[in-house]
């Protein structure tokens, strides 16, 4: 299943759009689990020009996540 967000916007706006669409998938389509997800973004400078994110001088193409932060209370079911 794909969710596409069209147009140039801030990451806050994209985050909100994704949140709304995921809520729609959950409520209207009764999808409550997924094996994972891949999000592709096309970074710009706000004027439509592409930019290449860099960290320590190296181009960053992929960022990995193990999911949301889990507190100790979650682990001990408190």
C-alpha atoms as a PDB file:
ATOM      1  CA  UNK A   1       0.000   0.000   0.000  1.00  0.00           C
ATOM      2  CA  UNK A   2       1.371   3.440  -0.917  1.00  0.00           C
ATOM      3  CA  UNK A   3       0.653   6.787   0.656  1.00  0.00           C
ATOM      4  CA  UNK A   4       1.754   9.693  -1.532  1.00  0.00           C
ATOM      5  CA  UNK A   5       1.987  13.275  -0.295  1.00  0.00           C
ATOM      6  CA  UNK A   6       2.169  15.697  -3.223  1.00  0.00           C
ATOM      7  CA  UNK A   7       3.788  19.105  -3.399  1.00  0.00           C
ATOM      8  CA  UNK A   8       6.643  20.905  -1.684  1.00  0.00           C
ATOM      9  CA  UNK A   9       6.020  21.564   2.010  1.00  0.00           C
ATOM     10  CA  UNK A  10       7.758  21.640   5.356  1.00  0.00           C
ATOM     11  CA  UNK A  11       8.569  18.411   7.154  1.00  0.00           C
ATOM     12  CA  UNK A  12       6.022  19.424   9.810  1.00  0.00           C
ATOM     13  CA  UNK A  13       3.333  19.562   7.125  1.00  0.00           C
ATOM     14  CA  UNK A  14       4.426  16.197   5.693  1.00  0.00           C
ATOM     15  CA  UNK A  15       4.398  14.689   9.195  1.00  0.00           C
ATOM     16  CA  UNK A  16       0.829  15.928   9.740  1.00  0.00           C
ATOM     17  CA  UNK A  17      -0.319  14.685   6.319  1.00  0.00           C
ATOM     18  CA  UNK A  18       1.149  11.237   7.020  1.00  0.00           C
ATOM     19  CA  UNK A  19      -0.429  11.150  10.459  1.00  0.00           C
ATOM     20  CA  UNK A  20      -3.838  11.962   8.972  1.00  0.00           C
ATOM     21  CA  UNK A  21      -3.517   9.345   6.214  1.00  0.00           C
ATOM     22  CA  UNK A  22      -2.315   6.650   8.628  1.00  0.00           C
ATOM     23  CA  UNK A  23      -5.278   7.426  10.878  1.00  0.00           C
ATOM     24  CA  UNK A  24      -7.558   7.092   7.835  1.00  0.00           C
ATOM     25  CA  UNK A  25      -5.988   3.726   6.925  1.00  0.00           C
ATOM     26  CA  UNK A  26      -6.476   2.561  10.505  1.00  0.00           C
ATOM     27  CA  UNK A  27     -10.060   3.770  10.959  1.00  0.00           C
ATOM     28  CA  UNK A  28     -11.590   3.450   7.501  1.00  0.00           C
ATOM     29  CA  UNK A  29      -9.667   0.455   6.148  1.00  0.00           C
ATOM     30  CA  UNK A  30      -9.248  -1.428   9.453  1.00  0.00           C
ATOM     31  CA  UNK A  31      -5.486  -1.860   8.996  1.00  0.00           C
ATOM     32  CA  UNK A  32      -3.838  -2.007  12.421  1.00  0.00           C
ATOM     33  CA  UNK A  33      -0.418  -3.611  11.757  1.00  0.00           C
ATOM     34  CA  UNK A  34       2.372  -3.451   9.187  1.00  0.00           C
ATOM     35  CA  UNK A  35       5.667  -5.279   8.724  1.00  0.00           C
ATOM     36  CA  UNK A  36       7.447  -1.962   8.401  1.00  0.00           C
ATOM     37  CA  UNK A  37       7.467   1.060   6.142  1.00  0.00           C
ATOM     38  CA  UNK A  38       9.797   2.922   3.820  1.00  0.00           C
ATOM     39  CA  UNK A  39       9.524   6.683   3.480  1.00  0.00           C
ATOM     40  CA  UNK A  40      11.264   8.434   0.611  1.00  0.00           C
ATOM     41  CA  UNK A  41      11.708  12.194   0.861  1.00  0.00           C
ATOM     42  CA  UNK A  42      13.041  14.616  -1.729  1.00  0.00           C
ATOM     43  CA  UNK A  43      14.890  17.327   0.263  1.00  0.00           C
ATOM     44  CA  UNK A  44      14.703  20.876  -1.101  1.00  0.00           C
ATOM     45  CA  UNK A  45      15.844  24.317  -0.016  1.00  0.00           C
ATOM     46  CA  UNK A  46      12.260  25.616   0.165  1.00  0.00           C
ATOM     47  CA  UNK A  47      12.485  27.124  -3.302  1.00  0.00           C
ATOM     48  CA  UNK A  48      12.193  23.844  -5.176  1.00  0.00           C
ATOM     49  CA  UNK A  49      15.923  23.251  -5.626  1.00  0.00           C
ATOM     50  CA  UNK A  50      17.175  19.797  -4.593  1.00  0.00           C
ATOM     51  CA  UNK A  51      19.676  19.563  -1.725  1.00  0.00           C
ATOM     52  CA  UNK A  52      21.886  16.678  -0.546  1.00  0.00           C
ATOM     53  CA  UNK A  53      21.846  16.118   3.236  1.00  0.00           C
ATOM     54  CA  UNK A  54      25.349  15.634   4.646  1.00  0.00           C
ATOM     55  CA  UNK A  55      26.736  14.574   8.002  1.00  0.00           C
ATOM     56  CA  UNK A  56      30.444  14.871   8.716  1.00  0.00           C
ATOM     57  CA  UNK A  57      30.969  15.820   5.068  1.00  0.00           C
ATOM     58  CA  UNK A  58      29.408  12.596   3.768  1.00  0.00           C
ATOM     59  CA  UNK A  59      26.169  12.402   1.810  1.00  0.00           C
ATOM     60  CA  UNK A  60      23.356  10.750   3.779  1.00  0.00           C
ATOM     61  CA  UNK A  61      21.128   8.511   1.635  1.00  0.00           C
ATOM     62  CA  UNK A  62      19.561   6.198   4.239  1.00  0.00           C
ATOM     63  CA  UNK A  63      18.578   6.517   7.894  1.00  0.00           C
ATOM     64  CA  UNK A  64      17.497   3.416   9.827  1.00  0.00           C
ATOM     65  CA  UNK A  65      14.998   3.184  12.689  1.00  0.00           C
ATOM     66  CA  UNK A  66      14.161   0.359  15.087  1.00  0.00           C
ATOM     67  CA  UNK A  67      10.804   1.954  15.857  1.00  0.00           C
ATOM     68  CA  UNK A  68       9.699   4.385  18.549  1.00  0.00           C
ATOM     69  CA  UNK A  69      11.459   4.818  21.883  1.00  0.00           C
ATOM     70  CA  UNK A  70      10.296   2.291  24.469  1.00  0.00           C
ATOM     71  CA  UNK A  71      10.433   3.329  28.098  1.00  0.00           C
ATOM     72  CA  UNK A  72      11.202   0.983  30.994  1.00  0.00           C
ATOM     73  CA  UNK A  73       7.514   1.225  31.953  1.00  0.00           C
ATOM     74  CA  UNK A  74       6.616  -0.294  28.574  1.00  0.00           C
ATOM     75  CA  UNK A  75       9.074  -3.159  29.105  1.00  0.00           C
ATOM     76  CA  UNK A  76       7.748  -3.923  32.596  1.00  0.00           C
ATOM     77  CA  UNK A  77       4.099  -3.239  31.647  1.00  0.00           C
ATOM     78  CA  UNK A  78       3.719  -0.537  34.308  1.00  0.00           C
END
